Protein backbone atom coordinates (compact mmCIF):
# COMPACT_ATOMS: atom_id res chain seq x y z
CA ASN A 1 -27.63 168.41 88.81
CA VAL A 2 -29.90 170.88 90.72
CA ASP A 3 -32.18 173.25 88.86
CA PHE A 4 -33.11 175.38 91.96
CA LYS A 5 -32.68 175.53 95.76
CA PHE A 6 -34.95 177.06 98.41
CA ALA A 7 -33.45 178.30 101.56
CA SER A 8 -34.21 181.02 104.20
CA GLY A 9 -37.14 182.37 102.10
CA VAL A 10 -35.18 182.61 98.96
CA LEU A 11 -35.93 180.58 95.70
CA THR A 12 -32.62 180.61 93.80
CA ILE A 13 -32.73 179.49 90.10
CA LEU A 14 -29.66 177.49 89.21
CA SER A 15 -30.16 176.39 85.67
CA GLY A 16 -31.78 177.33 82.36
CA LYS A 17 -34.35 174.55 82.48
CA GLN A 18 -37.93 176.12 81.97
CA MET A 19 -39.65 176.16 85.17
CA THR A 20 -43.25 177.32 86.07
CA ILE A 21 -43.48 179.38 89.27
CA GLN A 22 -46.81 180.02 91.08
CA ASN A 23 -47.82 180.72 94.77
CA ASN A 24 -49.90 178.05 96.51
CA ASN A 25 -52.61 180.52 96.86
CA PRO A 26 -52.05 183.32 94.31
CA ASN A 27 -54.49 185.66 96.12
CA THR A 28 -52.18 185.82 99.23
CA PRO A 29 -48.67 187.21 98.98
CA THR A 30 -45.67 185.39 100.14
CA THR A 31 -42.57 187.14 101.55
CA HIS A 32 -40.39 184.73 99.75
CA ARG A 33 -38.00 186.03 97.07
CA ILE A 34 -36.70 184.92 93.60
CA VAL A 35 -32.99 185.27 92.77
CA ILE A 36 -31.07 184.52 89.58
CA PRO A 37 -27.38 184.27 90.18
CA LYS A 38 -24.94 186.19 87.94
CA ASP A 39 -24.02 183.18 85.55
CA VAL A 40 -27.63 181.75 85.14
CA LYS A 41 -29.98 182.20 82.13
CA ALA A 42 -33.29 181.41 83.57
CA GLU A 43 -36.42 180.36 81.68
CA LEU A 44 -39.47 181.01 83.87
CA ILE A 45 -43.19 180.86 83.39
CA PHE A 46 -45.19 183.04 85.90
CA ASP A 47 -48.65 181.55 86.50
CA GLY A 48 -49.89 183.25 89.66
CA VAL A 49 -46.91 184.63 91.39
CA ASN A 50 -47.78 187.15 94.18
CA ILE A 51 -44.77 188.33 96.35
CA LYS A 52 -44.51 191.33 98.71
CA THR A 53 -41.30 191.77 100.58
CA ALA A 54 -40.47 193.83 103.65
CA SER A 55 -36.72 193.97 102.59
CA ASN A 56 -35.00 193.63 99.40
CA SER A 57 -36.49 193.07 95.86
CA PRO A 58 -39.08 190.27 95.34
CA PHE A 59 -37.26 189.34 92.07
CA THR A 60 -33.39 189.88 91.68
CA LEU A 61 -31.19 189.45 88.58
CA THR A 62 -27.76 189.38 90.06
CA PRO A 63 -25.63 192.05 88.45
CA ASP A 64 -21.91 191.57 87.60
CA LYS A 65 -19.46 193.97 85.92
CA ASP A 66 -18.71 191.33 83.34
CA GLY A 67 -22.41 190.64 82.61
CA GLY A 68 -24.94 189.37 84.92
CA ALA A 69 -28.01 187.23 85.30
CA TYR A 70 -30.45 186.72 82.55
CA ALA A 71 -34.17 185.85 82.84
CA HIS A 72 -36.70 185.13 80.04
CA VAL A 73 -40.16 185.40 81.95
CA ILE A 74 -43.26 184.21 80.15
CA LEU A 75 -46.58 185.31 81.55
CA GLN A 76 -49.06 182.29 81.40
CA ASP A 77 -52.25 183.28 79.60
CA GLY A 78 -54.85 184.28 82.11
CA SER A 79 -52.58 184.56 85.13
CA GLU A 80 -52.29 187.51 87.35
CA ASN A 81 -48.71 188.06 88.85
CA LYS A 82 -47.67 190.68 91.25
CA LEU A 83 -44.26 191.54 92.79
CA GLU A 84 -44.11 194.36 95.31
CA SER A 85 -41.11 195.68 97.26
CA GLY A 86 -41.60 196.97 100.70
CA ASP A 87 -38.05 198.32 101.06
CA VAL A 88 -37.36 201.92 100.35
CA TYR A 89 -34.33 201.37 97.87
CA TYR A 90 -35.37 198.20 96.12
CA PRO A 91 -37.34 197.78 92.95
CA GLY A 92 -40.09 195.14 92.41
CA MET A 93 -38.03 193.51 89.72
CA ARG A 94 -34.30 194.20 90.04
CA ALA A 95 -32.65 194.09 86.67
CA GLY A 96 -29.62 196.33 87.15
CA THR A 97 -26.54 197.08 84.98
CA GLY A 98 -25.30 194.01 83.07
CA THR A 99 -28.43 191.93 83.41
CA THR A 100 -30.86 191.02 80.87
CA LEU A 101 -34.66 190.62 81.53
CA ILE A 102 -37.13 189.54 78.83
CA ILE A 103 -40.81 189.70 79.73
CA GLU A 104 -43.54 188.33 77.33
CA GLY A 105 -46.68 186.31 76.70
CA GLU A 106 -46.66 182.99 75.06
CA PHE A 107 -43.29 182.71 73.04
CA ILE A 108 -42.97 181.74 69.45
CA VAL A 109 -39.90 183.09 67.34
CA PRO A 110 -41.31 184.21 63.97
CA GLU A 111 -39.71 183.52 60.66
CA GLY A 112 -40.07 186.14 57.79
CA GLY A 113 -42.92 187.71 59.61
CA LYS A 114 -45.05 184.43 59.70
CA ILE A 115 -45.58 181.59 62.15
CA PRO A 116 -42.55 179.28 61.57
CA ARG A 117 -44.06 175.80 62.09
CA ASP A 118 -47.55 174.18 62.80
CA VAL A 119 -48.02 174.69 66.46
CA THR A 120 -50.73 174.11 69.11
CA LEU A 121 -50.78 176.93 71.61
CA GLU A 122 -51.26 176.20 75.40
CA ASN A 123 -54.99 177.53 75.05
CA GLY A 124 -55.65 174.77 72.43
CA ASP A 125 -55.59 177.03 69.29
CA LYS A 126 -53.95 175.48 66.30
CA LEU A 127 -51.78 177.53 64.07
CA LYS A 128 -50.21 176.64 60.68
CA LYS A 129 -46.94 177.36 59.32
CA GLY A 130 -47.04 180.58 57.32
CA ASP A 131 -49.95 182.01 59.24
CA ARG A 132 -50.07 185.67 60.21
CA LEU A 133 -48.40 186.67 63.63
CA THR A 134 -51.44 188.47 64.77
CA LEU A 135 -53.05 185.07 65.36
CA LEU A 136 -50.60 184.99 68.37
CA ASP A 137 -52.49 187.83 70.14
CA SER A 138 -54.12 186.44 73.28
CA ASN A 139 -57.74 187.35 74.16
CA ASN A 140 -56.55 186.40 77.86
CA ARG A 141 -53.16 187.56 78.15
CA GLY A 142 -51.20 187.27 81.37
CA SER A 143 -50.56 190.23 83.66
CA LEU A 144 -47.75 191.41 85.69
CA LYS A 145 -47.95 194.30 88.25
CA VAL A 146 -44.48 195.37 89.66
CA VAL A 147 -44.09 197.89 92.44
CA GLY A 148 -40.93 199.37 93.52
CA ASN A 149 -40.58 201.66 96.46
CA TYR A 150 -39.03 205.19 97.11
CA TYR A 151 -35.70 205.80 95.08
CA SER A 152 -36.22 202.74 92.84
CA ALA A 153 -37.85 201.61 89.67
CA GLY A 154 -40.70 199.20 89.26
CA ILE A 155 -38.50 197.21 86.87
CA GLY A 156 -34.88 198.04 86.60
CA GLY A 157 -32.17 199.30 88.96
CA GLY A 158 -32.42 200.29 92.60
CA ASN A 159 -31.22 203.45 94.44
CA THR A 160 -28.12 204.77 92.48
CA GLU A 161 -28.05 201.81 90.18
CA SER A 162 -28.68 201.92 86.27
CA GLY A 163 -31.14 199.48 84.79
CA GLY A 164 -29.98 196.57 82.65
CA ASN A 165 -31.31 195.46 79.28
CA ILE A 166 -35.14 195.21 79.68
CA ILE A 167 -37.28 193.87 76.79
CA ILE A 168 -41.06 193.75 77.15
CA ASN A 169 -42.71 191.88 74.23
CA GLY A 170 -46.24 191.06 75.63
CA GLY A 171 -48.58 190.52 78.44
CA ALA A 172 -50.39 193.34 80.37
CA ILE A 173 -47.56 195.21 82.39
CA THR A 174 -47.85 197.74 85.10
CA ALA A 175 -44.64 199.03 86.63
CA ILE A 176 -44.79 201.66 89.36
CA GLY A 177 -41.61 203.08 90.89
């Protein structure tokens, strides 16, 4: 069972296993791309991703007429992430028709408007069942800057393509298209 493959400069996510993605040197962009095939539900943590492509989108959810790829991207607290398309028709994060993209900070599903269980956050903070949700607000939230090119969105569809289902629940997001 393989969770991902890397070939010809493309990291293809093949399973729903949660994976952390980061550059060897987050200050220097790579030209490698991330692709999620149409039948995959990816769970990814971005922790210093920096991609600038000359062609195609740095991050692609593969669309399909019967649905498409799904990605849940968590921005690690304190991380800076950037996806920039250098191709005229491609968005920074391609999430076209039939795809689903969810971007957020650290993830806990509330119950009844409260923290659902005792939990220790990745930054070491301890929360108790029933605590208020505002305790989840990070003082050092992860960031994501996404740059599309002419005729495309920062996050969404490319030239002549409608966007898919896009939900942003946290992090500091800048999208330029």
